[in-house]
Amino acid sequence: MIIKRLIVFTALFVIWLMCTWPFSPFDLQSFIAGLLAAGIVLMIFPSTPRGINSSKLSQPKRYIWAVVYVPVLVWHMIKANLDVLYRVVHPDLPIKPGIVKIKTSLNNPIARAILCNSITLTPGTLAIDIRGEDIYVHWIYIRKRSVKSHTEEIGGRFESILKKVFE
């Protein structure tokens, strides 16, 4: 329990440092504020989120896959931005919007939340609802009609890495 809380405290503090970047090496106020903020959050929310398993937190390969996930997400965000840009500047405005259903095999609630956020962060898609293993996504251009093809094209690019991080 203490190790799990220490890991969550460290993660919160690292997030604080990333949000206040750049800072000078002598910026003691920001450093102390980050420690206090992480401590206060842990006091307000004494239990860690569902889906965090302390035995999995000690596996370094999960952290490596989490680092790998960031450039994959950024790459797909860049591709999606260019796709939306093309659709906006095209004279015929080639869009076929609609809501599609994708299936996820992720069981961890945090992994599902990250998948939905990743889908929403890529322009042209917006995760609307999640019900069980189904995620409903508003998509700017529906190419095919099968759930399997939607799953591969929208969620498949993220899901395999998230499995390695969370499950």
Protein backbone atom coordinates (compact mmCIF):
# COMPACT_ATOMS: atom_id res chain seq x y z
CA MET A 1 0.00 0.00 0.00
CA ILE A 2 2.78 2.43 0.90
CA ILE A 3 4.72 1.58 -2.26
CA LYS A 4 1.63 2.16 -4.40
CA ARG A 5 1.02 5.56 -2.75
CA LEU A 6 4.69 6.48 -3.13
CA ILE A 7 4.56 5.66 -6.84
CA VAL A 8 1.36 7.72 -7.26
CA PHE A 9 2.99 10.60 -5.32
CA THR A 10 6.06 10.43 -7.56
CA ALA A 11 3.92 10.34 -10.71
CA LEU A 12 1.94 13.38 -9.54
CA PHE A 13 5.15 15.24 -8.75
CA VAL A 14 6.68 14.40 -12.15
CA ILE A 15 3.50 15.62 -13.85
CA TRP A 16 3.81 18.85 -11.85
CA LEU A 17 7.40 19.28 -12.98
CA MET A 18 6.45 18.67 -16.63
CA CYS A 19 3.63 21.22 -16.40
CA THR A 20 5.89 23.89 -14.88
CA TRP A 21 8.74 23.30 -17.33
CA PRO A 22 11.10 25.11 -17.93
CA PHE A 23 12.31 25.98 -14.49
CA SER A 24 15.66 27.11 -13.27
CA PRO A 25 17.71 24.74 -11.11
CA PHE A 26 17.29 27.17 -8.21
CA ASP A 27 13.52 27.47 -8.49
CA LEU A 28 12.86 26.11 -5.02
CA GLN A 29 9.35 27.58 -4.77
CA SER A 30 8.04 25.58 -7.74
CA PHE A 31 9.71 22.44 -6.43
CA ILE A 32 8.13 22.82 -2.98
CA ALA A 33 4.75 23.72 -4.49
CA GLY A 34 4.87 20.50 -6.53
CA LEU A 35 5.66 18.41 -3.48
CA LEU A 36 2.82 20.08 -1.55
CA ALA A 37 0.35 19.68 -4.43
CA ALA A 38 1.16 15.98 -4.80
CA GLY A 39 0.83 15.50 -1.05
CA ILE A 40 -2.49 17.35 -0.86
CA VAL A 41 -3.93 15.32 -3.73
CA LEU A 42 -2.93 12.11 -1.95
CA MET A 43 -4.57 13.35 1.27
CA ILE A 44 -7.80 14.32 -0.51
CA PHE A 45 -7.93 11.06 -2.49
CA PRO A 46 -6.50 8.44 -0.12
CA SER A 47 -7.32 5.46 -2.31
CA THR A 48 -5.57 4.99 -5.61
CA PRO A 49 -7.66 4.69 -8.76
CA ARG A 50 -9.19 1.37 -9.76
CA GLY A 51 -7.06 -0.43 -12.27
CA ILE A 52 -3.71 0.31 -10.62
CA ASN A 53 -2.18 -2.99 -9.55
CA SER A 54 0.90 -2.62 -7.34
CA SER A 55 2.45 -5.85 -8.65
CA LYS A 56 2.31 -4.41 -12.18
CA LEU A 57 3.85 -1.10 -11.08
CA SER A 58 7.18 -2.79 -10.41
CA GLN A 59 7.60 -4.02 -14.00
CA PRO A 60 9.94 -1.69 -15.93
CA LYS A 61 8.75 -2.89 -19.34
CA ARG A 62 5.39 -1.20 -18.68
CA TYR A 63 7.11 2.17 -18.27
CA ILE A 64 9.08 1.62 -21.47
CA TRP A 65 5.86 0.90 -23.37
CA ALA A 66 4.27 4.01 -21.80
CA VAL A 67 7.16 6.08 -23.18
CA VAL A 68 6.76 4.39 -26.58
CA TYR A 69 3.06 5.29 -26.54
CA VAL A 70 3.70 9.06 -26.56
CA PRO A 71 5.40 9.30 -30.00
CA VAL A 72 2.84 6.87 -31.46
CA LEU A 73 0.04 9.13 -30.23
CA VAL A 74 1.81 12.25 -31.51
CA TRP A 75 2.36 10.63 -34.93
CA HIS A 76 -1.31 9.72 -35.28
CA MET A 77 -2.29 13.22 -34.13
CA ILE A 78 -0.11 14.75 -36.86
CA LYS A 79 -1.56 12.42 -39.51
CA ALA A 80 -5.12 13.19 -38.38
CA ASN A 81 -4.44 16.94 -38.38
CA LEU A 82 -3.20 16.74 -41.96
CA ASP A 83 -6.24 14.68 -42.95
CA VAL A 84 -8.62 17.22 -41.43
CA LEU A 85 -6.66 20.06 -43.04
CA TYR A 86 -7.05 18.36 -46.43
CA ARG A 87 -10.81 18.02 -45.90
CA VAL A 88 -11.16 21.66 -44.85
CA VAL A 89 -9.23 23.15 -47.78
CA HIS A 90 -10.64 20.77 -50.40
CA PRO A 91 -13.24 22.59 -52.55
CA ASP A 92 -15.76 19.74 -52.27
CA LEU A 93 -15.31 19.32 -48.49
CA PRO A 94 -15.12 15.49 -48.62
CA ILE A 95 -16.74 14.44 -45.36
CA LYS A 96 -19.08 11.58 -44.47
CA PRO A 97 -19.60 12.09 -40.74
CA GLY A 98 -21.33 9.65 -38.50
CA ILE A 99 -21.16 7.65 -35.31
CA VAL A 100 -19.41 4.30 -35.43
CA LYS A 101 -18.98 1.54 -32.88
CA ILE A 102 -15.60 0.04 -32.11
CA LYS A 103 -14.87 -2.86 -29.81
CA THR A 104 -12.06 -2.83 -27.30
CA SER A 105 -10.45 -5.78 -25.60
CA LEU A 106 -8.99 -3.60 -22.85
CA ASN A 107 -10.27 -4.63 -19.42
CA ASN A 108 -8.53 -2.00 -17.31
CA PRO A 109 -10.71 1.11 -16.77
CA ILE A 110 -7.70 3.43 -16.90
CA ALA A 111 -6.55 1.90 -20.18
CA ARG A 112 -10.04 2.38 -21.62
CA ALA A 113 -10.08 6.01 -20.50
CA ILE A 114 -6.69 6.62 -22.09
CA LEU A 115 -7.87 4.93 -25.30
CA CYS A 116 -10.95 7.18 -25.42
CA ASN A 117 -8.83 10.27 -24.73
CA SER A 118 -6.36 9.26 -27.43
CA ILE A 119 -9.19 8.81 -29.92
CA THR A 120 -10.56 12.24 -28.99
CA LEU A 121 -7.12 13.88 -29.26
CA THR A 122 -6.75 12.76 -32.87
CA PRO A 123 -8.68 15.31 -34.97
CA GLY A 124 -11.60 13.94 -36.93
CA THR A 125 -12.64 11.53 -34.18
CA LEU A 126 -14.42 12.08 -30.90
CA ALA A 127 -15.14 9.34 -28.35
CA ILE A 128 -18.74 9.88 -27.28
CA ASP A 129 -19.67 6.96 -25.07
CA ILE A 130 -18.30 3.73 -23.70
CA ARG A 131 -20.55 0.81 -22.81
CA GLY A 132 -18.84 -2.38 -21.80
CA GLU A 133 -16.45 -3.30 -24.58
CA ASP A 134 -18.07 -0.91 -27.09
CA ILE A 135 -16.86 2.63 -27.68
CA TYR A 136 -19.00 4.95 -29.77
CA VAL A 137 -17.00 7.44 -31.82
CA HIS A 138 -18.06 10.35 -33.98
CA TRP A 139 -15.91 10.14 -37.11
CA ILE A 140 -15.45 12.78 -39.79
CA TYR A 141 -15.23 10.33 -42.68
CA ILE A 142 -16.70 6.83 -42.43
CA ARG A 143 -14.94 4.65 -44.99
CA LYS A 144 -16.39 1.21 -44.33
CA ARG A 145 -19.38 -0.22 -42.55
CA SER A 146 -18.01 -3.02 -40.36
CA VAL A 147 -17.24 -2.76 -36.66
CA LYS A 148 -14.05 -4.75 -37.22
CA SER A 149 -12.67 -2.26 -39.77
CA HIS A 150 -13.62 0.69 -37.53
CA THR A 151 -11.93 -0.97 -34.58
CA GLU A 152 -8.72 -1.57 -36.52
CA GLU A 153 -8.58 1.90 -38.04
CA ILE A 154 -9.55 3.98 -34.99
CA GLY A 155 -8.65 2.02 -31.87
CA GLY A 156 -6.22 -0.60 -33.12
CA ARG A 157 -3.36 1.84 -33.50
CA PHE A 158 -3.41 2.53 -29.74
CA GLU A 159 -4.87 -0.58 -28.17
CA SER A 160 -1.93 -2.95 -28.66
CA ILE A 161 0.46 -0.63 -26.82
CA LEU A 162 -2.04 0.13 -24.05
CA LYS A 163 -2.40 -3.62 -23.45
CA LYS A 164 1.33 -3.86 -22.88
CA VAL A 165 1.22 -0.94 -20.44
CA PHE A 166 -1.87 -1.84 -18.39
CA GLU A 167 -2.69 -5.53 -18.76
